C-alpha cells in the first residue's frame, strides 16, 4: 500500500488489523481510523514532505549532539556545513 500508493485498500486493511487479535496492530488500526481522511490522502497522493522532514530531522540530530555546547552560531555553522 505504501510504495504503490494504494490508499483505496486502507479500509480493508484496517478491518483485517482490528480483527487480527494482535493488540498492537489493532490499536494502531484504531489510531489510523481516527484520522482516516488524512491517512488515505497520504497513501493516495504523489505529494509528500519527505525531503523537508529529512532536513528537519538532520537539524534536530545536530542540536541534540551539541546540547550544552556553544550556542546558535555554532549550530548554524554545523547545519550549513553538514
PDB file of N, CA and C in Angstrom:
ATOM      1  N   UNK A   1       0.825  -1.196   0.000  1.00  0.00           N
ATOM      2  CA  UNK A   1       0.000   0.000   0.000  1.00  0.00           C
ATOM      3  C   UNK A   1       0.870   1.262   0.000  1.00  0.00           C
ATOM      4  N   UNK A   2       1.973   1.227   0.725  1.00  0.00           N
ATOM      5  CA  UNK A   2       2.796   2.424   0.838  1.00  0.00           C
ATOM      6  C   UNK A   2       3.543   2.734  -0.446  1.00  0.00           C
ATOM      7  N   UNK A   3       4.186   1.756  -1.028  1.00  0.00           N
ATOM      8  CA  UNK A   3       5.014   2.023  -2.199  1.00  0.00           C
ATOM      9  C   UNK A   3       4.206   2.160  -3.477  1.00  0.00           C
ATOM     10  N   UNK A   4       3.058   1.517  -3.550  1.00  0.00           N
ATOM     11  CA  UNK A   4       2.238   1.567  -4.761  1.00  0.00           C
ATOM     12  C   UNK A   4       1.114   2.600  -4.678  1.00  0.00           C
ATOM     13  N   UNK A   5       1.048   3.332  -3.571  1.00  0.00           N
ATOM     14  CA  UNK A   5       0.014   4.353  -3.338  1.00  0.00           C
ATOM     15  C   UNK A   5      -1.391   3.794  -3.544  1.00  0.00           C
ATOM     16  N   UNK A   6      -1.686   2.709  -2.838  1.00  0.00           N
ATOM     17  CA  UNK A   6      -2.997   2.064  -2.930  1.00  0.00           C
ATOM     18  C   UNK A   6      -3.827   2.374  -1.694  1.00  0.00           C
ATOM     19  N   UNK A   7      -4.122   3.646  -1.489  1.00  0.00           N
ATOM     20  CA  UNK A   7      -4.907   4.074  -0.336  1.00  0.00           C
ATOM     21  C   UNK A   7      -6.339   3.593  -0.353  1.00  0.00           C
ATOM     22  N   UNK A   8      -6.830   3.176  -1.526  1.00  0.00           N
ATOM     23  CA  UNK A   8      -8.206   2.675  -1.600  1.00  0.00           C
ATOM     24  C   UNK A   8      -8.365   1.345  -0.869  1.00  0.00           C
ATOM     25  N   UNK A   9      -7.272   0.645  -0.565  1.00  0.00           N
ATOM     26  CA  UNK A   9      -7.322  -0.616   0.174  1.00  0.00           C
ATOM     27  C   UNK A   9      -7.233  -0.413   1.689  1.00  0.00           C
ATOM     28  N   UNK A  10      -7.170   0.840   2.135  1.00  0.00           N
ATOM     29  CA  UNK A  10      -6.972   1.131   3.553  1.00  0.00           C
ATOM     30  C   UNK A  10      -8.109   0.614   4.421  1.00  0.00           C
ATOM     31  N   UNK A  11      -9.348   0.778   4.002  1.00  0.00           N
ATOM     32  CA  UNK A  11     -10.491   0.302   4.799  1.00  0.00           C
ATOM     33  C   UNK A  11     -10.398  -1.192   5.020  1.00  0.00           C
ATOM     34  N   UNK A  12     -10.064  -1.923   3.985  1.00  0.00           N
ATOM     35  CA  UNK A  12      -9.924  -3.382   4.094  1.00  0.00           C
ATOM     36  C   UNK A  12      -8.803  -3.750   5.073  1.00  0.00           C
ATOM     37  N   UNK A  13      -7.675  -3.046   4.985  1.00  0.00           N
ATOM     38  CA  UNK A  13      -6.549  -3.340   5.858  1.00  0.00           C
ATOM     39  C   UNK A  13      -6.886  -3.038   7.314  1.00  0.00           C
ATOM     40  N   UNK A  14      -7.555  -1.904   7.565  1.00  0.00           N
ATOM     41  CA  UNK A  14      -7.923  -1.546   8.942  1.00  0.00           C
ATOM     42  C   UNK A  14      -8.866  -2.586   9.525  1.00  0.00           C
ATOM     43  N   UNK A  15      -9.829  -3.055   8.736  1.00  0.00           N
ATOM     44  CA  UNK A  15     -10.764  -4.082   9.211  1.00  0.00           C
ATOM     45  C   UNK A  15     -10.024  -5.365   9.567  1.00  0.00           C
ATOM     46  N   UNK A  16      -9.121  -5.791   8.706  1.00  0.00           N
ATOM     47  CA  UNK A  16      -8.339  -7.006   8.981  1.00  0.00           C
ATOM     48  C   UNK A  16      -7.467  -6.826  10.216  1.00  0.00           C
ATOM     49  N   UNK A  17      -6.865  -5.654  10.370  1.00  0.00           N
ATOM     50  CA  UNK A  17      -5.990  -5.399  11.511  1.00  0.00           C
ATOM     51  C   UNK A  17      -6.770  -5.391  12.821  1.00  0.00           C
ATOM     52  N   UNK A  18      -7.973  -4.817  12.808  1.00  0.00           N
ATOM     53  CA  UNK A  18      -8.777  -4.749  14.031  1.00  0.00           C
ATOM     54  C   UNK A  18      -9.263  -6.131  14.461  1.00  0.00           C
ATOM     55  N   UNK A  19      -9.485  -7.020  13.518  1.00  0.00           N
ATOM     56  CA  UNK A  19      -9.971  -8.360  13.849  1.00  0.00           C
ATOM     57  C   UNK A  19      -8.851  -9.390  13.944  1.00  0.00           C
ATOM     58  N   UNK A  20      -7.595  -8.943  13.854  1.00  0.00           N
ATOM     59  CA  UNK A  20      -6.468  -9.878  13.859  1.00  0.00           C
ATOM     60  C   UNK A  20      -6.222 -10.501  15.231  1.00  0.00           C
ATOM     61  N   UNK A  21      -6.615  -9.819  16.280  1.00  0.00           N
ATOM     62  CA  UNK A  21      -6.366 -10.329  17.622  1.00  0.00           C
ATOM     63  C   UNK A  21      -5.019  -9.906  18.179  1.00  0.00           C
ATOM     64  N   UNK A  22      -4.226  -9.208  17.391  1.00  0.00           N
ATOM     65  CA  UNK A  22      -2.934  -8.697  17.849  1.00  0.00           C
ATOM     66  C   UNK A  22      -3.151  -7.306  18.430  1.00  0.00           C
ATOM     67  N   UNK A  23      -2.872  -7.167  19.705  1.00  0.00           N
ATOM     68  CA  UNK A  23      -3.216  -5.941  20.418  1.00  0.00           C
ATOM     69  C   UNK A  23      -2.551  -4.701  19.822  1.00  0.00           C
ATOM     70  N   UNK A  24      -1.261  -4.775  19.532  1.00  0.00           N
ATOM     71  CA  UNK A  24      -0.548  -3.615  18.997  1.00  0.00           C
ATOM     72  C   UNK A  24      -1.048  -3.202  17.629  1.00  0.00           C
ATOM     73  N   UNK A  25      -1.299  -4.178  16.777  1.00  0.00           N
ATOM     74  CA  UNK A  25      -1.778  -3.887  15.424  1.00  0.00           C
ATOM     75  C   UNK A  25      -3.191  -3.309  15.468  1.00  0.00           C
ATOM     76  N   UNK A  26      -4.045  -3.884  16.305  1.00  0.00           N
ATOM     77  CA  UNK A  26      -5.424  -3.382  16.368  1.00  0.00           C
ATOM     78  C   UNK A  26      -5.468  -1.973  16.950  1.00  0.00           C
ATOM     79  N   UNK A  27      -4.625  -1.683  17.929  1.00  0.00           N
ATOM     80  CA  UNK A  27      -4.558  -0.330  18.485  1.00  0.00           C
ATOM     81  C   UNK A  27      -4.069   0.659  17.430  1.00  0.00           C
ATOM     82  N   UNK A  28      -3.073   0.247  16.652  1.00  0.00           N
ATOM     83  CA  UNK A  28      -2.569   1.085  15.574  1.00  0.00           C
ATOM     84  C   UNK A  28      -3.665   1.352  14.541  1.00  0.00           C
ATOM     85  N   UNK A  29      -4.448   0.329  14.222  1.00  0.00           N
ATOM     86  CA  UNK A  29      -5.538   0.470  13.254  1.00  0.00           C
ATOM     87  C   UNK A  29      -6.608   1.438  13.758  1.00  0.00           C
ATOM     88  N   UNK A  30      -6.903   1.388  15.049  1.00  0.00           N
ATOM     89  CA  UNK A  30      -7.876   2.323  15.626  1.00  0.00           C
ATOM     90  C   UNK A  30      -7.364   3.755  15.481  1.00  0.00           C
ATOM     91  N   UNK A  31      -6.060   3.947  15.712  1.00  0.00           N
ATOM     92  CA  UNK A  31      -5.467   5.272  15.546  1.00  0.00           C
ATOM     93  C   UNK A  31      -5.546   5.761  14.107  1.00  0.00           C
ATOM     94  N   UNK A  32      -5.299   4.854  13.160  1.00  0.00           N
ATOM     95  CA  UNK A  32      -5.413   5.227  11.750  1.00  0.00           C
ATOM     96  C   UNK A  32      -6.843   5.594  11.400  1.00  0.00           C
ATOM     97  N   UNK A  33      -7.768   4.848  11.960  1.00  0.00           N
ATOM     98  CA  UNK A  33      -9.179   5.075  11.669  1.00  0.00           C
ATOM     99  C   UNK A  33      -9.666   6.413  12.229  1.00  0.00           C
ATOM    100  N   UNK A  34      -9.032   6.891  13.302  1.00  0.00           N
ATOM    101  CA  UNK A  34      -9.470   8.152  13.904  1.00  0.00           C
ATOM    102  C   UNK A  34      -9.188   9.349  12.997  1.00  0.00           C
ATOM    103  N   UNK A  35      -8.189   9.234  12.128  1.00  0.00           N
ATOM    104  CA  UNK A  35      -7.886  10.315  11.184  1.00  0.00           C
ATOM    105  C   UNK A  35      -7.810   9.729   9.778  1.00  0.00           C
ATOM    106  N   UNK A  36      -8.857   9.042   9.412  1.00  0.00           N
ATOM    107  CA  UNK A  36      -8.893   8.254   8.175  1.00  0.00           C
ATOM    108  C   UNK A  36      -8.632   9.090   6.928  1.00  0.00           C
ATOM    109  N   UNK A  37      -9.234  10.252   6.842  1.00  0.00           N
ATOM    110  CA  UNK A  37      -9.102  11.069   5.627  1.00  0.00           C
ATOM    111  C   UNK A  37      -7.649  11.461   5.371  1.00  0.00           C
ATOM    112  N   UNK A  38      -6.939  11.859   6.423  1.00  0.00           N
ATOM    113  CA  UNK A  38      -5.545  12.265   6.261  1.00  0.00           C
ATOM    114  C   UNK A  38      -4.664  11.079   5.888  1.00  0.00           C
ATOM    115  N   UNK A  39      -4.902   9.936   6.518  1.00  0.00           N
ATOM    116  CA  UNK A  39      -4.101   8.748   6.218  1.00  0.00           C
ATOM    117  C   UNK A  39      -4.343   8.292   4.782  1.00  0.00           C
ATOM    118  N   UNK A  40      -5.581   8.288   4.367  1.00  0.00           N
ATOM    119  CA  UNK A  40      -5.888   7.870   2.999  1.00  0.00           C
ATOM    120  C   UNK A  40      -5.287   8.842   1.980  1.00  0.00           C
ATOM    121  N   UNK A  41      -5.334  10.125   2.272  1.00  0.00           N
ATOM    122  CA  UNK A  41      -4.728  11.100   1.369  1.00  0.00           C
ATOM    123  C   UNK A  41      -3.220  10.881   1.270  1.00  0.00           C
ATOM    124  N   UNK A  42      -2.596  10.558   2.388  1.00  0.00           N
ATOM    125  CA  UNK A  42      -1.158  10.291   2.376  1.00  0.00           C
ATOM    126  C   UNK A  42      -0.793   9.052   1.594  1.00  0.00           C
ATOM    127  N   UNK A  43      -1.726   8.097   1.521  1.00  0.00           N
ATOM    128  CA  UNK A  43      -1.454   6.853   0.799  1.00  0.00           C
ATOM    129  C   UNK A  43      -1.883   6.898  -0.667  1.00  0.00           C
ATOM    130  N   UNK A  44      -2.537   7.961  -1.100  1.00  0.00           N
ATOM    131  CA  UNK A  44      -3.008   8.008  -2.483  1.00  0.00           C
ATOM    132  C   UNK A  44      -2.371   9.120  -3.307  1.00  0.00           C
ATOM    133  N   UNK A  45      -1.965  10.219  -2.695  1.00  0.00           N
ATOM    134  CA  UNK A  45      -1.398  11.317  -3.472  1.00  0.00           C
ATOM    135  C   UNK A  45       0.100  11.127  -3.678  1.00  0.00           C
ATOM    136  N   UNK A  46       0.610  11.740  -4.723  1.00  0.00           N
ATOM    137  CA  UNK A  46       2.044  11.648  -5.018  1.00  0.00           C
ATOM    138  C   UNK A  46       2.848  12.702  -4.257  1.00  0.00           C
ATOM    139  N   UNK A  47       2.164  13.648  -3.634  1.00  0.00           N
ATOM    140  CA  UNK A  47       2.848  14.705  -2.909  1.00  0.00           C
ATOM    141  C   UNK A  47       3.270  14.202  -1.540  1.00  0.00           C
ATOM    142  N   UNK A  48       4.492  14.547  -1.117  1.00  0.00           N
ATOM    143  CA  UNK A  48       4.932  14.210   0.235  1.00  0.00           C
ATOM    144  C   UNK A  48       5.932  15.246   0.718  1.00  0.00           C
ATOM    145  N   UNK A  49       6.201  15.230   1.982  1.00  0.00           N
ATOM    146  CA  UNK A  49       7.135  16.189   2.571  1.00  0.00           C
ATOM    147  C   UNK A  49       8.378  15.474   3.082  1.00  0.00           C
ATOM    148  N   UNK A  50       8.756  14.413   2.421  1.00  0.00           N
ATOM    149  CA  UNK A  50       9.896  13.621   2.856  1.00  0.00           C
ATOM    150  C   UNK A  50      11.199  14.388   2.918  1.00  0.00           C
ATOM    151  N   UNK A  51      11.462  15.221   1.925  1.00  0.00           N
ATOM    152  CA  UNK A  51      12.714  15.981   1.908  1.00  0.00           C
ATOM    153  C   UNK A  51      12.766  16.987   3.046  1.00  0.00           C
ATOM    154  N   UNK A  52      11.653  17.647   3.303  1.00  0.00           N
ATOM    155  CA  UNK A  52      11.595  18.629   4.392  1.00  0.00           C
ATOM    156  C   UNK A  52      11.764  17.918   5.731  1.00  0.00           C
ATOM    157  N   UNK A  53      11.068  16.797   5.912  1.00  0.00           N
ATOM    158  CA  UNK A  53      11.190  16.051   7.170  1.00  0.00           C
ATOM    159  C   UNK A  53      12.620  15.572   7.383  1.00  0.00           C
ATOM    160  N   UNK A  54      13.284  15.166   6.314  1.00  0.00           N
ATOM    161  CA  UNK A  54      14.680  14.734   6.428  1.00  0.00           C
ATOM    162  C   UNK A  54      15.583  15.857   6.884  1.00  0.00           C
ATOM    163  N   UNK A  55      15.376  17.055   6.347  1.00  0.00           N
ATOM    164  CA  UNK A  55      16.192  18.203   6.743  1.00  0.00           C
ATOM    165  C   UNK A  55      15.932  18.576   8.198  1.00  0.00           C
ATOM    166  N   UNK A  56      14.679  18.566   8.607  1.00  0.00           N
ATOM    167  CA  UNK A  56      14.333  18.886   9.994  1.00  0.00           C
ATOM    168  C   UNK A  56      14.944  17.853  10.936  1.00  0.00           C
ATOM    169  N   UNK A  57      14.874  16.580  10.567  1.00  0.00           N
ATOM    170  CA  UNK A  57      15.443  15.518  11.384  1.00  0.00           C
ATOM    171  C   UNK A  57      16.955  15.688  11.532  1.00  0.00           C
ATOM    172  N   UNK A  58      17.620  16.064  10.444  1.00  0.00           N
ATOM    173  CA  UNK A  58      19.075  16.259  10.490  1.00  0.00           C
ATOM    174  C   UNK A  58      19.436  17.410  11.427  1.00  0.00           C
ATOM    175  N   UNK A  59      18.700  18.509  11.349  1.00  0.00           N
ATOM    176  CA  UNK A  59      18.985  19.658  12.214  1.00  0.00           C
ATOM    177  C   UNK A  59      18.714  19.316  13.675  1.00  0.00           C
ATOM    178  N   UNK A  60      17.650  18.567  13.949  1.00  0.00           N
ATOM    179  CA  UNK A  60      17.369  18.159  15.333  1.00  0.00           C
ATOM    180  C   UNK A  60      18.468  17.247  15.868  1.00  0.00           C
ATOM    181  N   UNK A  61      19.007  16.368  15.010  1.00  0.00           N
ATOM    182  CA  UNK A  61      20.093  15.496  15.431  1.00  0.00           C
ATOM    183  C   UNK A  61      21.321  16.332  15.791  1.00  0.00           C
ATOM    184  N   UNK A  62      21.662  17.306  14.956  1.00  0.00           N
ATOM    185  CA  UNK A  62      22.790  18.180  15.249  1.00  0.00           C
ATOM    186  C   UNK A  62      22.577  18.921  16.563  1.00  0.00           C
ATOM    187  N   UNK A  63      21.354  19.391  16.795  1.00  0.00           N
ATOM    188  CA  UNK A  63      21.040  20.115  18.025  1.00  0.00           C
ATOM    189  C   UNK A  63      21.212  19.209  19.247  1.00  0.00           C
ATOM    190  N   UNK A  64      20.753  17.949  19.134  1.00  0.00           N
ATOM    191  CA  UNK A  64      20.915  17.011  20.249  1.00  0.00           C
ATOM    192  C   UNK A  64      22.383  16.716  20.525  1.00  0.00           C
ATOM    193  N   UNK A  65      23.177  16.573  19.467  1.00  0.00           N
ATOM    194  CA  UNK A  65      24.601  16.297  19.640  1.00  0.00           C
ATOM    195  C   UNK A  65      25.314  17.448  20.325  1.00  0.00           C
ATOM    196  N   UNK A  66      24.840  18.667  20.117  1.00  0.00           N
ATOM    197  CA  UNK A  66      25.510  19.846  20.642  1.00  0.00           C
ATOM    198  C   UNK A  66      24.917  20.343  21.953  1.00  0.00           C
ATOM    199  N   UNK A  67      24.035  19.596  22.561  1.00  0.00           N
ATOM    200  CA  UNK A  67      23.370  20.055  23.782  1.00  0.00           C
ATOM    201  C   UNK A  67      24.404  20.465  24.830  1.00  0.00           C
ATOM    202  N   UNK A  68      24.269  21.682  25.345  1.00  0.00           N
ATOM    203  CA  UNK A  68      25.164  22.179  26.384  1.00  0.00           C
ATOM    204  C   UNK A  68      26.420  22.833  25.847  1.00  0.00           C
ATOM    205  N   UNK A  69      26.619  22.839  24.549  1.00  0.00           N
ATOM    206  CA  UNK A  69      27.806  23.440  23.958  1.00  0.00           C
ATOM    207  C   UNK A  69      27.435  24.761  23.298  1.00  0.00           C
ATOM    208  N   UNK A  70      28.363  25.651  23.228  1.00  0.00           N
ATOM    209  CA  UNK A  70      28.278  26.924  22.495  1.00  0.00           C
ATOM    210  C   UNK A  70      26.861  27.466  22.404  1.00  0.00           C
ATOM    211  N   UNK A  71      26.369  27.715  21.219  1.00  0.00           N
ATOM    212  CA  UNK A  71      25.046  28.304  21.067  1.00  0.00           C
ATOM    213  C   UNK A  71      24.601  28.267  19.620  1.00  0.00           C
ATOM    214  N   UNK A  72      23.732  29.202  19.281  1.00  0.00           N
ATOM    215  CA  UNK A  72      23.159  29.223  17.949  1.00  0.00           C
ATOM    216  C   UNK A  72      24.194  29.410  16.842  1.00  0.00           C
ATOM    217  N   UNK A  73      25.215  30.270  17.021  1.00  0.00           N
ATOM    218  CA  UNK A  73      26.185  30.438  15.925  1.00  0.00           C
ATOM    219  C   UNK A  73      26.874  29.122  15.524  1.00  0.00           C
ATOM    220  N   UNK A  74      27.245  28.310  16.511  1.00  0.00           N
ATOM    221  CA  UNK A  74      27.878  27.034  16.191  1.00  0.00           C
ATOM    222  C   UNK A  74      26.887  26.063  15.550  1.00  0.00           C
ATOM    223  N   UNK A  75      25.652  26.041  16.051  1.00  0.00           N
ATOM    224  CA  UNK A  75      24.626  25.191  15.454  1.00  0.00           C
ATOM    225  C   UNK A  75      24.390  25.595  13.998  1.00  0.00           C
ATOM    226  N   UNK A  76      24.325  26.882  13.732  1.00  0.00           N
ATOM    227  CA  UNK A  76      24.124  27.373  12.367  1.00  0.00           C
ATOM    228  C   UNK A  76      25.268  26.932  11.462  1.00  0.00           C
ATOM    229  N   UNK A  77      26.494  27.088  11.953  1.00  0.00           N
ATOM    230  CA  UNK A  77      27.657  26.706  11.151  1.00  0.00           C
ATOM    231  C   UNK A  77      27.652  25.216  10.853  1.00  0.00           C
ATOM    232  N   UNK A  78      27.342  24.396  11.856  1.00  0.00           N
ATOM    233  CA  UNK A  78      27.311  22.938  11.644  1.00  0.00           C
ATOM    234  C   UNK A  78      26.197  22.546  10.683  1.00  0.00           C
ATOM    235  N   UNK A  79      25.022  23.204  10.782  1.00  0.00           N
ATOM    236  CA  UNK A  79      23.899  22.879   9.891  1.00  0.00           C
ATOM    237  C   UNK A  79      24.226  23.252   8.449  1.00  0.00           C
ATOM    238  N   UNK A  80      24.899  24.359   8.259  1.00  0.00           N
ATOM    239  CA  UNK A  80      25.219  24.789   6.905  1.00  0.00           C
ATOM    240  C   UNK A  80      26.350  23.975   6.283  1.00  0.00           C
ATOM    241  N   UNK A  81      27.281  23.511   7.110  1.00  0.00           N
ATOM    242  CA  UNK A  81      28.431  22.765   6.577  1.00  0.00           C
ATOM    243  C   UNK A  81      28.200  21.266   6.516  1.00  0.00           C
ATOM    244  N   UNK A  82      27.208  20.771   7.241  1.00  0.00           N
ATOM    245  CA  UNK A  82      26.989  19.316   7.283  1.00  0.00           C
ATOM    246  C   UNK A  82      26.279  18.819   6.052  1.00  0.00           C
TER     247      UNK A  82
END
